[in-house]
């Protein structure tokens, strides 16, 4: 078999990165919501917020630990599988990645440890502050990672010296407009994940209370809250935990979607300027025009787009996304291809760095099916999550959820919607950059770009990469099963699964110095 090492390497990096990124938005979004819940407990002393904090905090910890374990592989891949890429970007990536590790990650992990083991040991205000420091650390960490990624999308603040990108302006790198837009967009997407997570799980528990006959509906249509004295934790406070968490999650989900839409519009306008071929491919815009394609069918594999047919278009919308008006034509693929060929050549250089791709004709058009549907999946699943949030607010206005199995299943399934939207957005962003691993800046920095074929470690054989691809996929598959199993067990267990003190009495005492309780929460 004539295996392409670049293709295998890209599959390996793609699989491990997408899997790791499933943990990232939940860590960022859920961590912030847990901190807010504990803040409400600190201010009010309401036991409902304590239960919410410990229950969702337990799920946050499971996800955080898996995220750290899977994220370590990303760092190793830079040096092992993509060493040529690492040499090219090393002078630029050194600063943000060092800050991410030494400042943000240490802050995050140190204070998270204090929060985990500090229940009943630290003063309440200090304990709360530890969680906030950990959450802020995770958000700072995300910024430095996105700074590095955004430089690949839009290189700034460097000059080319002996084939290497050498940083000349660290402030330009840290304040890259692409990074700021991507960061705000990512945080809004993470909050959408956290909101949907609260909503879906809370809906499930409210439905179980209805099904078990604990809660009922009165003549006025409002909930009659009951309790199950023989089941630890299934009391009136338990009902408040789920109804308040559901409505908080729904509000956060709606607000986050609005933030995603606003920041996404800003980001798309930057992409039209910085990576026009990516956006033309995302819109199946084969020719210049102003129309936004809602549905396009056919075979978009050819560069002249002969097999593409736009079924349903909205006039002027593409111009608005790109330029902010409804009349300016946007360049399509057939117009952009000659421009790319004039600037960056028609064939890869005859150089040993390119391996079997040396001298190969360059295809500047990304895989249109991936970019086109990735863009629409990002928007569509984000709208689904926001729609379920709005529906949840309406249906729970009288204090509980309907006694409908299918609505409950739909709410649980909707938890996956923002995860899919986030993943689709990143796949679109990364695959749309091809054939560049470092995309050129069309406005400046002539020569500061890198084709993907030149980024792979030259010593690697297809067999080596195939072995690591299969091995990592198997390990990550096992980790996925472990995480899902842990999450399902603790979600089904309800508050009692995260608060062993609830199993001792049928009420929740305030936190004591009981060492067993703290260790049970931690482990």
Protein backbone atom coordinates (compact mmCIF):
# COMPACT_ATOMS: atom_id res chain seq x y z
CA UNK A 1 0.00 0.00 0.00
CA UNK A 2 1.26 3.47 -0.94
CA UNK A 3 0.32 5.32 2.25
CA UNK A 4 0.65 9.09 2.50
CA UNK A 5 2.38 9.95 5.81
CA UNK A 6 1.01 13.51 5.75
CA UNK A 7 -2.56 12.25 5.48
CA UNK A 8 -2.06 9.75 8.32
CA UNK A 9 -0.42 12.41 10.46
CA UNK A 10 -3.32 14.78 9.87
CA UNK A 11 -5.83 12.08 10.82
CA UNK A 12 -3.89 11.38 14.00
CA UNK A 13 -3.72 15.00 15.03
CA UNK A 14 -7.35 15.57 14.06
CA UNK A 15 -8.70 12.62 16.07
CA UNK A 16 -6.75 13.42 19.22
CA UNK A 17 -7.46 17.14 18.98
CA UNK A 18 -11.21 16.82 18.44
CA UNK A 19 -11.49 14.31 21.28
CA UNK A 20 -9.53 16.59 23.61
CA UNK A 21 -11.62 19.58 22.57
CA UNK A 22 -14.80 17.85 23.76
CA UNK A 23 -13.49 18.34 27.30
CA UNK A 24 -12.33 21.93 26.83
CA UNK A 25 -15.66 23.79 26.42
CA UNK A 26 -17.25 21.79 29.24
CA UNK A 27 -14.31 22.66 31.53
CA UNK A 28 -14.52 26.37 30.63
CA UNK A 29 -18.31 26.64 30.71
CA UNK A 30 -19.21 24.32 33.58
CA UNK A 31 -16.34 25.59 35.74
CA UNK A 32 -17.69 29.14 35.52
CA UNK A 33 -21.22 27.99 36.38
CA UNK A 34 -20.03 25.95 39.38
CA UNK A 35 -18.15 29.02 40.64
CA UNK A 36 -21.32 31.09 40.28
CA UNK A 37 -23.35 28.46 42.15
CA UNK A 38 -20.87 28.40 45.02
CA UNK A 39 -20.85 32.19 45.09
CA UNK A 40 -24.63 32.13 45.51
CA UNK A 41 -24.21 29.67 48.39
CA UNK A 42 -21.59 31.91 49.99
CA UNK A 43 -23.88 34.95 49.74
CA UNK A 44 -27.18 33.34 50.72
CA UNK A 45 -26.31 30.27 52.78
CA UNK A 46 -29.04 28.41 50.86
CA UNK A 47 -28.42 24.65 51.00
CA UNK A 48 -29.80 24.31 47.50
CA UNK A 49 -26.76 26.11 46.08
CA UNK A 50 -24.42 23.96 48.15
CA UNK A 51 -25.93 20.78 46.73
CA UNK A 52 -25.78 22.20 43.20
CA UNK A 53 -22.14 23.20 43.67
CA UNK A 54 -21.01 19.80 44.89
CA UNK A 55 -23.03 17.80 42.35
CA UNK A 56 -21.98 19.73 39.26
CA UNK A 57 -18.52 20.26 40.76
CA UNK A 58 -18.03 16.49 40.85
CA UNK A 59 -18.89 16.24 37.15
CA UNK A 60 -16.60 19.19 36.43
CA UNK A 61 -13.68 17.39 38.12
CA UNK A 62 -14.21 14.18 36.13
CA UNK A 63 -14.16 16.13 32.89
CA UNK A 64 -11.21 18.30 33.94
CA UNK A 65 -9.01 15.31 34.77
CA UNK A 66 -9.76 13.63 31.45
CA UNK A 67 -9.06 16.89 29.66
CA UNK A 68 -5.61 17.17 31.23
CA UNK A 69 -4.77 13.55 30.39
CA UNK A 70 -5.77 13.87 26.73
CA UNK A 71 -4.28 17.34 26.31
CA UNK A 72 -0.77 16.19 27.13
CA UNK A 73 -0.66 14.21 23.87
CA UNK A 74 -1.12 17.42 21.87
CA UNK A 75 2.15 18.86 23.18
CA UNK A 76 4.09 15.69 22.36
CA UNK A 77 2.75 15.57 18.81
CA UNK A 78 4.26 18.94 17.97
CA UNK A 79 7.77 17.61 18.54
CA UNK A 80 7.30 13.99 17.46
CA UNK A 81 5.02 14.04 14.42
CA UNK A 82 5.34 17.66 13.30
CA UNK A 83 8.92 18.64 14.10
CA UNK A 84 9.40 20.76 10.95
CA UNK A 85 6.31 22.72 11.87
CA UNK A 86 7.65 23.13 15.43
CA UNK A 87 10.93 24.52 14.10
CA UNK A 88 9.08 27.03 11.91
CA UNK A 89 6.73 28.34 14.62
CA UNK A 90 8.87 27.64 17.71
CA UNK A 91 10.11 31.20 18.20
CA UNK A 92 6.52 32.46 18.12
CA UNK A 93 4.81 29.67 20.07
CA UNK A 94 7.42 29.67 22.83
CA UNK A 95 5.99 32.75 24.58
CA UNK A 96 2.24 31.95 24.66
CA UNK A 97 2.70 28.23 25.37
CA UNK A 98 5.20 28.92 28.15
CA UNK A 99 2.82 31.43 29.70
CA UNK A 100 0.01 28.92 29.38
CA UNK A 101 1.97 26.23 31.22
CA UNK A 102 3.85 28.29 33.81
CA UNK A 103 1.19 30.87 34.61
CA UNK A 104 -2.28 29.69 33.65
CA UNK A 105 -2.05 25.92 34.15
CA UNK A 106 -0.15 26.15 37.44
CA UNK A 107 -2.69 28.68 38.71
CA UNK A 108 -5.53 26.48 37.56
CA UNK A 109 -4.26 23.18 38.95
CA UNK A 110 -2.92 24.55 42.27
CA UNK A 111 -6.11 26.34 43.24
CA UNK A 112 -8.29 23.51 41.99
CA UNK A 113 -6.46 21.23 44.43
CA UNK A 114 -7.14 23.70 47.23
CA UNK A 115 -10.80 23.73 46.28
CA UNK A 116 -11.11 19.94 46.12
CA UNK A 117 -9.52 19.26 49.50
CA UNK A 118 -10.43 22.54 51.17
CA UNK A 119 -14.06 21.79 52.01
CA UNK A 120 -14.43 22.44 55.75
CA UNK A 121 -10.72 23.21 56.12
CA UNK A 122 -10.35 26.59 54.48
CA UNK A 123 -12.41 29.65 55.43
CA UNK A 124 -15.46 29.82 53.20
CA UNK A 125 -14.34 32.98 51.41
CA UNK A 126 -10.85 31.57 50.78
CA UNK A 127 -12.33 28.30 49.55
CA UNK A 128 -14.60 30.15 47.14
CA UNK A 129 -11.68 32.28 45.98
CA UNK A 130 -9.71 29.12 45.23
CA UNK A 131 -12.38 27.97 42.81
CA UNK A 132 -12.54 31.36 41.12
CA UNK A 133 -8.74 31.38 40.72
CA UNK A 134 -8.90 27.91 39.14
CA UNK A 135 -11.66 28.96 36.74
CA UNK A 136 -9.90 32.20 35.82
CA UNK A 137 -6.73 30.19 35.28
CA UNK A 138 -8.54 27.91 32.82
CA UNK A 139 -9.86 30.93 30.92
CA UNK A 140 -6.39 32.50 30.78
CA UNK A 141 -4.99 29.16 29.63
CA UNK A 142 -7.53 29.08 26.81
CA UNK A 143 -6.45 32.55 25.69
CA UNK A 144 -2.79 31.62 25.31
CA UNK A 145 -3.69 28.46 23.38
CA UNK A 146 -5.94 30.45 21.05
CA UNK A 147 -3.22 33.07 20.56
CA UNK A 148 -0.96 30.31 19.24
CA UNK A 149 -3.67 28.82 17.04
CA UNK A 150 -4.74 32.22 15.69
CA UNK A 151 -1.19 33.01 14.67
CA UNK A 152 -1.40 29.96 12.40
CA UNK A 153 -4.53 31.47 10.89
CA UNK A 154 -3.18 35.02 10.63
CA UNK A 155 0.56 35.44 11.30
CA UNK A 156 1.59 38.84 12.69
CA UNK A 157 4.50 40.33 14.60
CA UNK A 158 7.26 38.27 12.94
CA UNK A 159 9.77 38.33 10.13
CA UNK A 160 11.27 35.51 8.08
CA UNK A 161 14.93 34.82 8.93
CA UNK A 162 16.67 31.88 7.25
CA UNK A 163 13.36 30.14 6.67
CA UNK A 164 12.21 30.59 10.28
CA UNK A 165 9.48 32.83 11.64
CA UNK A 166 11.22 35.05 14.21
CA UNK A 167 9.03 37.08 16.56
CA UNK A 168 9.69 40.82 16.46
CA UNK A 169 6.60 42.12 18.26
CA UNK A 170 5.19 40.02 21.09
CA UNK A 171 2.39 42.54 21.69
CA UNK A 172 1.19 42.15 18.09
CA UNK A 173 1.10 38.37 18.56
CA UNK A 174 -0.78 38.58 21.88
CA UNK A 175 -3.32 41.11 20.59
CA UNK A 176 -3.87 39.55 17.17
CA UNK A 177 -7.41 40.53 16.11
CA UNK A 178 -7.96 36.95 14.97
CA UNK A 179 -7.11 35.70 18.48
CA UNK A 180 -9.43 38.16 20.22
CA UNK A 181 -12.34 37.24 17.95
CA UNK A 182 -11.69 33.50 18.27
CA UNK A 183 -11.28 33.72 22.06
CA UNK A 184 -14.58 35.50 22.69
CA UNK A 185 -16.31 33.15 20.27
CA UNK A 186 -14.84 30.10 22.04
CA UNK A 187 -15.85 31.32 25.50
CA UNK A 188 -19.41 31.95 24.38
CA UNK A 189 -19.50 28.47 22.87
CA UNK A 190 -18.16 27.02 26.13
CA UNK A 191 -20.87 28.76 28.16
CA UNK A 192 -23.46 27.34 25.75
CA UNK A 193 -22.07 23.86 26.53
CA UNK A 194 -22.21 24.50 30.27
CA UNK A 195 -25.76 25.85 30.08
CA UNK A 196 -27.04 22.88 28.07
CA UNK A 197 -25.28 20.52 30.48
CA UNK A 198 -27.14 22.00 33.46
CA UNK A 199 -30.44 22.04 31.58
CA UNK A 200 -30.36 18.45 30.30
CA UNK A 201 -29.28 16.84 33.57
CA UNK A 202 -31.71 18.88 35.66
CA UNK A 203 -34.57 18.02 33.29
CA UNK A 204 -33.76 14.35 33.74
CA UNK A 205 -33.95 14.55 37.53
CA UNK A 206 -37.14 16.63 37.55
CA UNK A 207 -38.71 14.06 35.21
CA UNK A 208 -37.66 11.24 37.58
CA UNK A 209 -39.32 13.04 40.47
CA UNK A 210 -42.53 13.29 38.42
CA UNK A 211 -42.31 9.65 37.34
CA UNK A 212 -41.69 8.43 40.91
CA UNK A 213 -44.68 10.37 42.17
CA UNK A 214 -42.66 12.69 44.39
CA UNK A 215 -43.86 15.86 42.67
CA UNK A 216 -47.35 16.44 41.30
CA UNK A 217 -49.30 19.16 39.53
CA UNK A 218 -51.95 21.12 41.42
CA UNK A 219 -55.31 22.39 40.10
CA UNK A 220 -53.69 25.69 39.12
CA UNK A 221 -51.10 23.87 37.00
CA UNK A 222 -48.26 24.64 39.40
CA UNK A 223 -45.99 22.03 40.93
CA UNK A 224 -46.75 20.43 44.29
CA UNK A 225 -43.32 19.62 45.67
CA UNK A 226 -43.10 16.38 47.62
CA UNK A 227 -40.40 14.26 49.21
CA UNK A 228 -39.39 10.63 49.57
CA UNK A 229 -38.27 10.16 53.19
CA UNK A 230 -36.87 6.71 52.49
CA UNK A 231 -34.56 7.91 49.69
CA UNK A 232 -31.60 10.11 50.72
CA UNK A 233 -31.66 13.52 49.14
CA UNK A 234 -35.09 13.27 47.47
CA UNK A 235 -36.67 16.12 49.42
CA UNK A 236 -37.96 19.61 48.71
CA UNK A 237 -34.44 21.03 48.53
CA UNK A 238 -33.64 18.43 45.87
CA UNK A 239 -36.45 19.82 43.73
CA UNK A 240 -35.07 23.33 44.13
CA UNK A 241 -31.62 22.13 43.04
CA UNK A 242 -32.91 20.87 39.72
CA UNK A 243 -35.46 23.54 38.87
CA UNK A 244 -33.04 26.37 39.66
CA UNK A 245 -30.15 24.68 37.81
CA UNK A 246 -32.37 24.05 34.79
CA UNK A 247 -33.48 27.65 34.56
CA UNK A 248 -29.97 29.00 35.15
CA UNK A 249 -28.69 26.69 32.40
CA UNK A 250 -31.44 27.81 30.04
CA UNK A 251 -30.75 31.51 30.57
CA UNK A 252 -27.00 30.97 30.14
CA UNK A 253 -27.65 28.93 27.00
CA UNK A 254 -29.72 31.68 25.38
CA UNK A 255 -27.33 34.49 26.32
CA UNK A 256 -24.35 32.41 25.19
CA UNK A 257 -25.96 31.74 21.81
CA UNK A 258 -26.45 35.48 21.30
CA UNK A 259 -22.78 35.95 22.18
CA UNK A 260 -21.80 33.21 19.74
CA UNK A 261 -23.79 34.90 16.97
CA UNK A 262 -22.23 38.33 17.57
CA UNK A 263 -18.65 37.10 17.93
CA UNK A 264 -19.15 34.68 15.04
CA UNK A 265 -20.17 37.54 12.78
CA UNK A 266 -17.01 39.43 13.73
CA UNK A 267 -14.90 36.34 13.15
CA UNK A 268 -16.47 35.61 9.77
CA UNK A 269 -15.74 39.14 8.54
CA UNK A 270 -12.09 38.68 9.54
CA UNK A 271 -11.97 35.34 7.72
CA UNK A 272 -13.30 36.90 4.54
CA UNK A 273 -10.33 39.29 4.69
CA UNK A 274 -7.65 36.92 5.92
CA UNK A 275 -8.64 33.55 4.41
CA UNK A 276 -11.05 34.30 1.57
CA UNK A 277 -10.75 30.82 0.05
CA UNK A 278 -11.90 29.24 3.31
CA UNK A 279 -15.05 31.35 3.42
CA UNK A 280 -15.78 30.95 -0.29
CA UNK A 281 -15.57 27.19 0.19
CA UNK A 282 -17.77 27.40 3.30
CA UNK A 283 -20.45 29.16 1.27
CA UNK A 284 -20.04 27.00 -1.86
CA UNK A 285 -19.48 30.35 -3.56
CA UNK A 286 -17.98 29.17 -6.82
CA UNK A 287 -18.52 32.53 -8.50
CA UNK A 288 -18.65 36.13 -7.34
CA UNK A 289 -21.96 37.19 -5.85
CA UNK A 290 -23.94 38.39 -2.85
CA UNK A 291 -26.13 35.34 -2.18
CA UNK A 292 -25.81 33.13 0.90
CA UNK A 293 -26.37 29.44 0.14
CA UNK A 294 -28.78 27.79 2.58
CA UNK A 295 -28.65 24.52 0.64
CA UNK A 296 -26.23 23.42 -2.07
CA UNK A 297 -26.08 19.99 -3.64
CA UNK A 298 -23.82 18.23 -6.11
CA UNK A 299 -20.15 17.34 -6.39
CA UNK A 300 -17.90 20.25 -5.33
CA UNK A 301 -14.64 18.33 -5.75
CA UNK A 302 -13.55 20.06 -8.97
CA UNK A 303 -11.89 23.45 -8.84
CA UNK A 304 -14.29 24.93 -11.35
CA UNK A 305 -17.29 23.79 -9.24
CA UNK A 306 -19.05 22.32 -12.27
CA UNK A 307 -20.94 19.83 -10.09
CA UNK A 308 -22.30 22.36 -7.61
CA UNK A 309 -25.89 23.56 -7.69
CA UNK A 310 -27.29 26.12 -5.25
CA UNK A 311 -30.84 25.05 -4.40
CA UNK A 312 -31.85 27.79 -1.99
CA UNK A 313 -30.12 31.15 -1.53
CA UNK A 314 -30.74 34.33 0.45
CA UNK A 315 -29.81 37.41 -1.63
CA UNK A 316 -27.43 39.88 0.01
CA UNK A 317 -26.75 37.82 3.13
CA UNK A 318 -23.27 36.69 2.02
CA UNK A 319 -22.30 40.32 1.42
CA UNK A 320 -23.54 41.21 4.89
CA UNK A 321 -21.49 38.43 6.50
CA UNK A 322 -18.39 39.51 4.60
CA UNK A 323 -18.64 43.29 4.31
CA UNK A 324 -21.52 44.47 6.50
CA UNK A 325 -23.69 45.56 3.57
CA UNK A 326 -26.02 43.75 1.19
CA UNK A 327 -24.63 44.83 -2.17
CA UNK A 328 -20.85 44.24 -2.34
CA UNK A 329 -20.04 41.12 -4.39
CA UNK A 330 -17.87 38.54 -2.63
CA UNK A 331 -15.15 36.76 -4.61
CA UNK A 332 -15.86 33.11 -5.36
CA UNK A 333 -13.55 30.13 -5.79
CA UNK A 334 -12.99 30.59 -9.52
CA UNK A 335 -11.86 34.19 -8.96
CA UNK A 336 -9.68 33.42 -5.96
CA UNK A 337 -7.79 30.43 -7.40
CA UNK A 338 -5.71 32.45 -9.91
CA UNK A 339 -4.87 34.97 -7.15
CA UNK A 340 -3.58 32.22 -4.86
CA UNK A 341 -1.58 30.65 -7.70
CA UNK A 342 0.01 33.99 -8.60
CA UNK A 343 1.02 34.67 -4.97
CA UNK A 344 2.05 31.24 -3.75
CA UNK A 345 2.78 29.20 -6.87
CA UNK A 346 1.08 26.44 -8.77
CA UNK A 347 3.30 23.58 -7.54
CA UNK A 348 5.08 22.70 -4.33
CA UNK A 349 8.84 23.37 -4.41
CA UNK A 350 11.18 20.61 -5.51
CA UNK A 351 12.53 20.05 -2.02
CA UNK A 352 13.19 16.95 0.10
CA UNK A 353 11.15 18.51 2.92
CA UNK A 354 8.01 17.79 0.91
CA UNK A 355 8.81 14.10 0.51
CA UNK A 356 6.63 12.32 -2.03
CA UNK A 357 4.68 15.56 -2.53
CA UNK A 358 7.70 17.43 -3.89
CA UNK A 359 6.77 19.26 -7.09
CA UNK A 360 3.09 18.31 -6.70
CA UNK A 361 0.38 20.64 -7.97
CA UNK A 362 -1.17 22.67 -5.16
CA UNK A 363 -4.92 22.49 -4.58
CA UNK A 364 -5.88 25.72 -2.83
CA UNK A 365 -9.53 24.80 -2.46
CA UNK A 366 -10.34 23.14 0.88
CA UNK A 367 -12.66 20.14 0.93
CA UNK A 368 -15.86 22.02 0.21
CA UNK A 369 -18.17 19.39 1.69
CA UNK A 370 -16.34 19.64 5.03
CA UNK A 371 -16.21 23.43 5.15
CA UNK A 372 -19.74 23.93 3.80
CA UNK A 373 -21.47 21.50 6.17
CA UNK A 374 -19.13 22.22 9.07
CA UNK A 375 -20.17 25.87 8.92
CA UNK A 376 -23.86 24.96 8.82
CA UNK A 377 -23.61 22.33 11.54
CA UNK A 378 -21.96 24.91 13.77
CA UNK A 379 -24.84 27.33 13.27
CA UNK A 380 -27.62 24.73 13.18
CA UNK A 381 -26.72 22.83 16.34
CA UNK A 382 -26.11 26.11 18.16
CA UNK A 383 -29.66 27.17 17.24
CA UNK A 384 -31.01 23.81 18.45
CA UNK A 385 -29.35 24.29 21.85
CA UNK A 386 -30.72 27.82 22.15
CA UNK A 387 -34.18 26.65 21.08
CA UNK A 388 -34.25 23.92 23.74
CA UNK A 389 -33.17 26.49 26.32
CA UNK A 390 -36.05 28.78 25.38
CA UNK A 391 -38.47 25.85 25.44
CA UNK A 392 -37.15 24.80 28.84
CA UNK A 393 -37.77 28.26 30.30
CA UNK A 394 -41.34 28.23 29.00
CA UNK A 395 -42.25 24.69 30.08
CA UNK A 396 -40.81 25.08 33.58
CA UNK A 397 -42.44 28.42 34.36
CA UNK A 398 -44.78 26.64 36.83
CA UNK A 399 -42.07 24.82 38.70
CA UNK A 400 -41.33 21.51 36.99
CA UNK A 401 -41.03 19.71 33.66
CA UNK A 402 -43.82 17.89 31.80
CA UNK A 403 -44.22 14.18 32.55
CA UNK A 404 -43.13 13.31 29.01
CA UNK A 405 -40.50 10.64 28.43
CA UNK A 406 -39.78 11.91 24.94
CA UNK A 407 -39.31 15.50 26.05
CA UNK A 408 -36.90 14.30 28.73
CA UNK A 409 -34.95 12.26 26.20
CA UNK A 410 -34.87 15.22 23.85
CA UNK A 411 -33.56 17.47 26.60
CA UNK A 412 -30.82 14.98 27.44
CA UNK A 413 -29.96 14.58 23.77
CA UNK A 414 -29.80 18.36 23.37
CA UNK A 415 -26.77 18.36 25.68
CA UNK A 416 -24.79 17.07 22.69
CA UNK A 417 -25.91 19.94 20.41
CA UNK A 418 -23.41 22.60 21.56
CA UNK A 419 -20.67 19.96 21.70
CA UNK A 420 -21.35 19.16 18.03
CA UNK A 421 -21.52 22.87 17.18
CA UNK A 422 -18.15 23.54 18.86
CA UNK A 423 -16.49 20.54 17.20
CA UNK A 424 -17.90 21.41 13.77
CA UNK A 425 -16.63 24.96 14.16
CA UNK A 426 -13.09 23.85 14.95
CA UNK A 427 -13.04 21.27 12.16
CA UNK A 428 -14.20 23.96 9.74
CA UNK A 429 -11.57 26.41 11.03
CA UNK A 430 -8.67 23.97 10.80
CA UNK A 431 -9.51 22.05 7.63
CA UNK A 432 -10.55 25.24 5.84
CA UNK A 433 -6.98 26.53 6.24
CA UNK A 434 -5.57 23.80 3.98
CA UNK A 435 -3.24 23.46 2.09
CA UNK A 436 -1.48 25.67 4.67
CA UNK A 437 -0.56 24.66 8.19
CA UNK A 438 0.41 28.30 8.71
CA UNK A 439 -1.82 30.39 6.48
CA UNK A 440 -0.32 33.45 4.76
CA UNK A 441 -1.26 36.94 5.87
CA UNK A 442 -2.59 38.53 2.67
CA UNK A 443 -1.86 42.06 3.89
CA UNK A 444 1.78 41.72 5.00
CA UNK A 445 4.59 39.34 6.02
CA UNK A 446 5.43 38.08 2.58
CA UNK A 447 6.84 34.55 2.78
CA UNK A 448 5.61 33.77 6.31
CA UNK A 449 3.49 30.72 5.56
CA UNK A 450 3.96 26.97 5.50
CA UNK A 451 2.40 24.22 3.43
CA UNK A 452 1.17 21.24 5.42
CA UNK A 453 3.30 18.81 3.42
CA UNK A 454 6.47 20.51 4.70
CA UNK A 455 5.45 20.36 8.39
CA UNK A 456 5.73 16.62 9.06
CA UNK A 457 8.75 15.08 10.80
CA UNK A 458 10.93 13.77 7.95
CA UNK A 459 12.10 10.65 9.81
CA UNK A 460 8.61 9.23 10.22
CA UNK A 461 7.44 6.40 7.99
CA UNK A 462 3.79 5.65 7.15
CA UNK A 463 4.01 2.50 9.29
CA UNK A 464 5.11 4.48 12.34
CA UNK A 465 2.32 6.98 11.93
CA UNK A 466 -0.26 4.30 11.27
CA UNK A 467 0.78 2.46 14.43
CA UNK A 468 0.52 5.60 16.55
CA UNK A 469 -2.80 6.52 14.93
CA UNK A 470 -4.34 3.15 15.77
CA UNK A 471 -2.81 3.06 19.26
CA UNK A 472 -3.92 6.56 20.22
CA UNK A 473 -7.39 6.01 18.78
CA UNK A 474 -7.78 2.84 20.89
CA UNK A 475 -6.51 4.54 24.05
CA UNK A 476 -8.73 7.55 23.50
CA UNK A 477 -11.69 5.26 22.82
CA UNK A 478 -11.11 3.54 26.17
CA UNK A 479 -10.84 6.91 27.92
CA UNK A 480 -14.10 7.97 26.31
CA UNK A 481 -15.86 4.90 27.68
CA UNK A 482 -14.38 5.52 31.13
CA UNK A 483 -15.43 9.17 31.21
CA UNK A 484 -18.95 8.51 29.94
CA UNK A 485 -19.34 5.68 32.44
CA UNK A 486 -18.23 7.90 35.34
CA UNK A 487 -20.46 10.77 34.26
CA UNK A 488 -23.50 8.52 33.83
CA UNK A 489 -23.01 6.88 37.24
CA UNK A 490 -22.75 10.18 39.08
CA UNK A 491 -25.52 11.85 37.09
CA UNK A 492 -27.93 9.00 37.84
CA UNK A 493 -26.92 9.08 41.51
CA UNK A 494 -28.04 12.68 41.84
CA UNK A 495 -26.88 14.91 44.65
CA UNK A 496 -26.26 11.94 46.95
CA UNK A 497 -23.55 10.67 44.60
CA UNK A 498 -21.46 13.80 45.20
CA UNK A 499 -22.48 14.40 48.83
CA UNK A 500 -21.98 11.33 51.02
CA UNK A 501 -23.26 13.33 53.99
CA UNK A 502 -26.73 13.21 52.42
CA UNK A 503 -26.78 9.43 52.81
CA UNK A 504 -26.24 9.74 56.56
CA UNK A 505 -29.19 12.02 57.18
CA UNK A 506 -32.10 12.94 54.99
CA UNK A 507 -31.05 16.54 54.97
CA UNK A 508 -27.90 18.35 53.96
CA UNK A 509 -25.90 19.65 56.92
CA UNK A 510 -23.53 22.51 56.41
CA UNK A 511 -20.00 21.48 55.56
CA UNK A 512 -18.15 20.04 58.52
CA UNK A 513 -14.58 18.83 59.03
CA UNK A 514 -15.55 15.23 58.35
CA UNK A 515 -12.51 13.90 56.48
CA UNK A 516 -14.45 11.03 54.90
CA UNK A 517 -16.86 13.46 53.27
CA UNK A 518 -14.05 15.51 51.74
CA UNK A 519 -12.19 12.50 50.40
CA UNK A 520 -15.38 10.97 49.03
CA UNK A 521 -16.05 14.20 47.14
CA UNK A 522 -12.49 14.25 45.81
CA UNK A 523 -12.29 10.65 44.66
